[in-house]
Amino acid sequence: MSKSGVRELDHFPPQPHRPEYVRRLYDAFRAHLAKNGLRLTEQRRLILDYFLGAERHVSQDEIYTALRPRGLGRATVFRTLKMLEQAGLVNHLSGSGGIPRFELNLERPHHDHLICVDCGRIQEVSWPKLERIQERSCREAGFTPKWHRHEVFGLCRDCGRRRASPSASSKPI
């Protein structure tokens, strides 16, 4: 944990690719699909496998581009992402430029995101002090929170340094 109380999370992907985690993820998705009269198709399986192999937050377009050669259409990716989100297995966040990005959510500790508006890097962080303040404020207001999400937009360390360096502001003639 840093001096500021910010804890940077470095456990992405969410779980090591342990077989029991993958089984729980698939079981939860199958249960959600069955509850809605649907089944786990090969296309849905491919999308879930893509998430399991991702080591970063991914966009709908990235998933579509990667899986299009396997016969997946844009609408299938969109609908499957919506189903995964409804099942609580995937979360979305706003990437730089407003493009939604997605991450696996099953069995992940709560965390927030720092999003670089220059390079698009998404850094996962945990703020225990801020969480306690929010809990106390909600309790004092008689408010029962269901969930929350913090997305802070700015410059990552590398982009901030690049902008601050004298060479970044001087242009060759």
C-alpha atoms as a PDB file:
ATOM      1  CA  MET A   1       0.000   0.000   0.000  1.00  0.00           C
ATOM      2  CA  SER A   2       1.286   3.468  -0.848  1.00  0.00           C
ATOM      3  CA  LYS A   3       1.615   6.380   1.582  1.00  0.00           C
ATOM      4  CA  SER A   4      -1.679   7.745   0.244  1.00  0.00           C
ATOM      5  CA  GLY A   5      -3.557   4.612   1.265  1.00  0.00           C
ATOM      6  CA  VAL A   6      -4.004   3.523  -2.353  1.00  0.00           C
ATOM      7  CA  ARG A   7      -3.378  -0.127  -2.963  1.00  0.00           C
ATOM      8  CA  GLU A   8      -2.566  -0.954  -6.584  1.00  0.00           C
ATOM      9  CA  LEU A   9      -3.951  -4.315  -7.578  1.00  0.00           C
ATOM     10  CA  ASP A  10      -1.760  -6.516  -9.687  1.00  0.00           C
ATOM     11  CA  HIS A  11      -3.891  -9.629  -9.901  1.00  0.00           C
ATOM     12  CA  PHE A  12      -5.216  -9.377 -13.430  1.00  0.00           C
ATOM     13  CA  PRO A  13      -6.481 -11.753 -14.736  1.00  0.00           C
ATOM     14  CA  PRO A  14      -8.782 -12.200 -11.750  1.00  0.00           C
ATOM     15  CA  GLN A  15      -7.719 -15.702 -10.802  1.00  0.00           C
ATOM     16  CA  PRO A  16      -4.946 -17.950 -11.954  1.00  0.00           C
ATOM     17  CA  HIS A  17      -6.375 -20.264 -14.564  1.00  0.00           C
ATOM     18  CA  ARG A  18      -7.206 -22.842 -11.961  1.00  0.00           C
ATOM     19  CA  PRO A  19      -9.593 -25.460 -13.260  1.00  0.00           C
ATOM     20  CA  GLU A  20     -11.962 -24.953 -10.321  1.00  0.00           C
ATOM     21  CA  TYR A  21     -12.254 -21.220 -11.048  1.00  0.00           C
ATOM     22  CA  VAL A  22     -12.994 -21.881 -14.713  1.00  0.00           C
ATOM     23  CA  ARG A  23     -15.587 -24.507 -13.690  1.00  0.00           C
ATOM     24  CA  ARG A  24     -17.315 -22.079 -11.294  1.00  0.00           C
ATOM     25  CA  LEU A  25     -17.361 -19.399 -13.976  1.00  0.00           C
ATOM     26  CA  TYR A  26     -18.902 -21.747 -16.532  1.00  0.00           C
ATOM     27  CA  ASP A  27     -21.365 -23.160 -13.975  1.00  0.00           C
ATOM     28  CA  ALA A  28     -22.549 -19.675 -13.067  1.00  0.00           C
ATOM     29  CA  PHE A  29     -22.992 -18.732 -16.728  1.00  0.00           C
ATOM     30  CA  ARG A  30     -24.840 -21.986 -17.509  1.00  0.00           C
ATOM     31  CA  ALA A  31     -27.158 -21.394 -14.542  1.00  0.00           C
ATOM     32  CA  HIS A  32     -27.908 -17.840 -15.695  1.00  0.00           C
ATOM     33  CA  LEU A  33     -28.564 -19.020 -19.237  1.00  0.00           C
ATOM     34  CA  ALA A  34     -30.814 -21.896 -18.090  1.00  0.00           C
ATOM     35  CA  LYS A  35     -32.811 -19.518 -15.882  1.00  0.00           C
ATOM     36  CA  ASN A  36     -33.511 -17.538 -19.049  1.00  0.00           C
ATOM     37  CA  GLY A  37     -34.286 -20.569 -21.231  1.00  0.00           C
ATOM     38  CA  LEU A  38     -30.963 -20.414 -23.061  1.00  0.00           C
ATOM     39  CA  ARG A  39     -27.991 -22.724 -23.410  1.00  0.00           C
ATOM     40  CA  LEU A  40     -24.235 -22.369 -23.540  1.00  0.00           C
ATOM     41  CA  THR A  41     -23.475 -22.256 -27.259  1.00  0.00           C
ATOM     42  CA  GLU A  42     -20.047 -22.585 -28.836  1.00  0.00           C
ATOM     43  CA  GLN A  43     -20.084 -18.839 -29.594  1.00  0.00           C
ATOM     44  CA  ARG A  44     -20.770 -17.958 -25.945  1.00  0.00           C
ATOM     45  CA  ARG A  45     -18.064 -20.391 -24.861  1.00  0.00           C
ATOM     46  CA  LEU A  46     -15.551 -18.717 -27.197  1.00  0.00           C
ATOM     47  CA  ILE A  47     -16.318 -15.300 -25.710  1.00  0.00           C
ATOM     48  CA  LEU A  48     -15.944 -16.578 -22.152  1.00  0.00           C
ATOM     49  CA  ASP A  49     -12.667 -18.275 -23.091  1.00  0.00           C
ATOM     50  CA  TYR A  50     -11.474 -14.994 -24.596  1.00  0.00           C
ATOM     51  CA  PHE A  51     -12.030 -13.309 -21.234  1.00  0.00           C
ATOM     52  CA  LEU A  52     -10.167 -16.079 -19.441  1.00  0.00           C
ATOM     53  CA  GLY A  53      -7.176 -15.499 -21.706  1.00  0.00           C
ATOM     54  CA  ALA A  54      -7.273 -11.698 -21.533  1.00  0.00           C
ATOM     55  CA  GLU A  55      -4.698  -9.998 -19.365  1.00  0.00           C
ATOM     56  CA  ARG A  56      -6.337  -6.595 -19.555  1.00  0.00           C
ATOM     57  CA  HIS A  57      -9.700  -4.896 -19.857  1.00  0.00           C
ATOM     58  CA  VAL A  58     -11.118  -5.545 -23.330  1.00  0.00           C
ATOM     59  CA  SER A  59     -13.568  -3.761 -25.607  1.00  0.00           C
ATOM     60  CA  GLN A  60     -16.467  -5.273 -27.495  1.00  0.00           C
ATOM     61  CA  ASP A  61     -14.660  -4.458 -30.728  1.00  0.00           C
ATOM     62  CA  GLU A  62     -11.480  -6.260 -29.613  1.00  0.00           C
ATOM     63  CA  ILE A  63     -13.486  -9.383 -28.800  1.00  0.00           C
ATOM     64  CA  TYR A  64     -15.327  -9.183 -32.119  1.00  0.00           C
ATOM     65  CA  THR A  65     -12.120  -8.648 -34.122  1.00  0.00           C
ATOM     66  CA  ALA A  66     -10.372 -11.558 -32.395  1.00  0.00           C
ATOM     67  CA  LEU A  67     -13.292 -13.981 -32.769  1.00  0.00           C
ATOM     68  CA  ARG A  68     -14.707 -12.937 -36.151  1.00  0.00           C
ATOM     69  CA  PRO A  69     -12.494 -15.507 -37.927  1.00  0.00           C
ATOM     70  CA  ARG A  70     -14.220 -18.161 -35.779  1.00  0.00           C
ATOM     71  CA  GLY A  71     -17.613 -17.113 -37.176  1.00  0.00           C
ATOM     72  CA  LEU A  72     -18.836 -14.742 -34.468  1.00  0.00           C
ATOM     73  CA  GLY A  73     -20.867 -11.724 -35.434  1.00  0.00           C
ATOM     74  CA  ARG A  74     -20.895  -8.332 -33.773  1.00  0.00           C
ATOM     75  CA  ALA A  75     -24.468  -8.842 -32.499  1.00  0.00           C
ATOM     76  CA  THR A  76     -23.527 -12.158 -30.868  1.00  0.00           C
ATOM     77  CA  VAL A  77     -20.650 -10.488 -29.018  1.00  0.00           C
ATOM     78  CA  PHE A  78     -22.914  -7.612 -27.910  1.00  0.00           C
ATOM     79  CA  ARG A  79     -25.698  -9.915 -26.671  1.00  0.00           C
ATOM     80  CA  THR A  80     -23.271 -12.249 -24.902  1.00  0.00           C
ATOM     81  CA  LEU A  81     -21.546  -9.356 -23.132  1.00  0.00           C
ATOM     82  CA  LYS A  82     -24.952  -8.168 -21.952  1.00  0.00           C
ATOM     83  CA  MET A  83     -25.799 -11.667 -20.655  1.00  0.00           C
ATOM     84  CA  LEU A  84     -22.430 -11.987 -18.881  1.00  0.00           C
ATOM     85  CA  GLU A  85     -22.974  -8.615 -17.250  1.00  0.00           C
ATOM     86  CA  GLN A  86     -26.532  -9.499 -16.181  1.00  0.00           C
ATOM     87  CA  ALA A  87     -25.161 -12.717 -14.665  1.00  0.00           C
ATOM     88  CA  GLY A  88     -22.662 -10.664 -12.637  1.00  0.00           C
ATOM     89  CA  LEU A  89     -19.720 -12.384 -14.319  1.00  0.00           C
ATOM     90  CA  VAL A  90     -18.449  -9.351 -16.236  1.00  0.00           C
ATOM     91  CA  ASN A  91     -18.276  -5.653 -15.363  1.00  0.00           C
ATOM     92  CA  HIS A  92     -17.928  -2.768 -17.744  1.00  0.00           C
ATOM     93  CA  LEU A  93     -16.118   0.487 -17.224  1.00  0.00           C
ATOM     94  CA  SER A  94     -15.566   3.562 -19.330  1.00  0.00           C
ATOM     95  CA  GLY A  95     -12.284   3.401 -21.148  1.00  0.00           C
ATOM     96  CA  SER A  96     -10.451   6.425 -22.464  1.00  0.00           C
ATOM     97  CA  GLY A  97     -12.465   8.034 -25.223  1.00  0.00           C
ATOM     98  CA  GLY A  98     -15.672   6.689 -23.646  1.00  0.00           C
ATOM     99  CA  ILE A  99     -15.330   3.216 -25.183  1.00  0.00           C
ATOM    100  CA  PRO A 100     -16.723   0.598 -22.779  1.00  0.00           C
ATOM    101  CA  ARG A 101     -14.184  -1.972 -21.609  1.00  0.00           C
ATOM    102  CA  PHE A 102     -14.981  -5.212 -19.844  1.00  0.00           C
ATOM    103  CA  GLU A 103     -13.374  -7.396 -17.185  1.00  0.00           C
ATOM    104  CA  LEU A 104     -14.241 -10.669 -15.471  1.00  0.00           C
ATOM    105  CA  ASN A 105     -15.947 -10.064 -12.147  1.00  0.00           C
ATOM    106  CA  LEU A 106     -16.474 -13.465 -10.521  1.00  0.00           C
ATOM    107  CA  GLU A 107     -14.783 -13.716  -7.107  1.00  0.00           C
ATOM    108  CA  ARG A 108     -12.852 -10.474  -7.541  1.00  0.00           C
ATOM    109  CA  PRO A 109     -12.344  -8.089  -4.656  1.00  0.00           C
ATOM    110  CA  HIS A 110     -13.929  -4.682  -5.054  1.00  0.00           C
ATOM    111  CA  HIS A 111     -11.639  -2.269  -6.843  1.00  0.00           C
ATOM    112  CA  ASP A 112     -11.736   0.993  -8.737  1.00  0.00           C
ATOM    113  CA  HIS A 113      -9.997   2.210 -11.874  1.00  0.00           C
ATOM    114  CA  LEU A 114      -7.518   4.914 -12.852  1.00  0.00           C
ATOM    115  CA  ILE A 115      -7.868   5.490 -16.592  1.00  0.00           C
ATOM    116  CA  CYS A 116      -5.202   7.293 -18.607  1.00  0.00           C
ATOM    117  CA  VAL A 117      -6.734   9.593 -21.215  1.00  0.00           C
ATOM    118  CA  ASP A 118      -3.523   9.578 -23.284  1.00  0.00           C
ATOM    119  CA  CYS A 119      -2.479   5.934 -23.613  1.00  0.00           C
ATOM    120  CA  GLY A 120      -5.659   4.215 -22.403  1.00  0.00           C
ATOM    121  CA  ARG A 121      -3.941   2.286 -19.591  1.00  0.00           C
ATOM    122  CA  ILE A 122      -6.349   1.103 -16.922  1.00  0.00           C
ATOM    123  CA  GLN A 123      -4.882   0.669 -13.463  1.00  0.00           C
ATOM    124  CA  GLU A 124      -6.850  -1.199 -10.798  1.00  0.00           C
ATOM    125  CA  VAL A 125      -6.693   0.279  -7.308  1.00  0.00           C
ATOM    126  CA  SER A 126      -8.245  -0.239  -3.913  1.00  0.00           C
ATOM    127  CA  TRP A 127      -8.869   2.604  -1.471  1.00  0.00           C
ATOM    128  CA  PRO A 128      -9.724   1.132   1.938  1.00  0.00           C
ATOM    129  CA  LYS A 129      -9.942   4.570   3.621  1.00  0.00           C
ATOM    130  CA  LEU A 130     -12.302   5.885   0.953  1.00  0.00           C
ATOM    131  CA  GLU A 131     -14.464   2.757   1.249  1.00  0.00           C
ATOM    132  CA  ARG A 132     -14.814   3.345   5.017  1.00  0.00           C
ATOM    133  CA  ILE A 133     -15.754   6.990   4.449  1.00  0.00           C
ATOM    134  CA  GLN A 134     -18.401   5.968   1.904  1.00  0.00           C
ATOM    135  CA  GLU A 135     -19.829   3.324   4.225  1.00  0.00           C
ATOM    136  CA  ARG A 136     -20.028   5.801   7.121  1.00  0.00           C
ATOM    137  CA  SER A 137     -21.577   8.514   4.929  1.00  0.00           C
ATOM    138  CA  CYS A 138     -24.211   6.128   3.593  1.00  0.00           C
ATOM    139  CA  ARG A 139     -25.017   4.882   7.095  1.00  0.00           C
ATOM    140  CA  GLU A 140     -25.354   8.455   8.408  1.00  0.00           C
ATOM    141  CA  ALA A 141     -27.649   9.356   5.509  1.00  0.00           C
ATOM    142  CA  GLY A 142     -29.780   6.239   6.038  1.00  0.00           C
ATOM    143  CA  PHE A 143     -28.821   5.116   2.541  1.00  0.00           C
ATOM    144  CA  THR A 144     -28.331   1.462   1.613  1.00  0.00           C
ATOM    145  CA  PRO A 145     -25.872   1.237  -1.275  1.00  0.00           C
ATOM    146  CA  LYS A 146     -26.176  -1.631  -3.741  1.00  0.00           C
ATOM    147  CA  TRP A 147     -22.932  -0.985  -5.589  1.00  0.00           C
ATOM    148  CA  HIS A 148     -20.639   1.798  -6.662  1.00  0.00           C
ATOM    149  CA  ARG A 149     -17.895   2.369  -9.149  1.00  0.00           C
ATOM    150  CA  HIS A 150     -15.083   4.901  -9.210  1.00  0.00           C
ATOM    151  CA  GLU A 151     -13.404   5.719 -12.485  1.00  0.00           C
ATOM    152  CA  VAL A 152     -10.781   8.426 -12.270  1.00  0.00           C
ATOM    153  CA  PHE A 153      -9.588   9.869 -15.583  1.00  0.00           C
ATOM    154  CA  GLY A 154      -6.203  11.511 -15.926  1.00  0.00           C
ATOM    155  CA  LEU A 155      -2.604  10.756 -16.887  1.00  0.00           C
ATOM    156  CA  CYS A 156      -0.741   7.624 -15.863  1.00  0.00           C
ATOM    157  CA  ARG A 157       2.760   8.007 -14.443  1.00  0.00           C
ATOM    158  CA  ASP A 158       4.456   7.448 -17.828  1.00  0.00           C
ATOM    159  CA  CYS A 159       2.237   9.879 -19.755  1.00  0.00           C
ATOM    160  CA  GLY A 160       2.501  12.462 -16.981  1.00  0.00           C
ATOM    161  CA  ARG A 161       6.298  12.254 -17.072  1.00  0.00           C
ATOM    162  CA  ARG A 162       6.315  12.432 -20.858  1.00  0.00           C
ATOM    163  CA  ARG A 163       4.194  15.600 -20.794  1.00  0.00           C
ATOM    164  CA  ALA A 164       6.296  17.149 -18.031  1.00  0.00           C
ATOM    165  CA  SER A 165       9.642  16.516 -19.713  1.00  0.00           C
ATOM    166  CA  PRO A 166      11.234  19.483 -21.536  1.00  0.00           C
ATOM    167  CA  SER A 167      11.646  17.393 -24.680  1.00  0.00           C
ATOM    168  CA  ALA A 168       7.892  16.781 -24.810  1.00  0.00           C
ATOM    169  CA  SER A 169       7.157  20.508 -25.098  1.00  0.00           C
ATOM    170  CA  SER A 170       9.891  21.354 -27.583  1.00  0.00           C
ATOM    171  CA  LYS A 171       9.328  20.442 -31.176  1.00  0.00           C
ATOM    172  CA  PRO A 172      12.117  20.062 -33.704  1.00  0.00           C
ATOM    173  CA  ILE A 173      12.237  22.701 -36.436  1.00  0.00           C
END
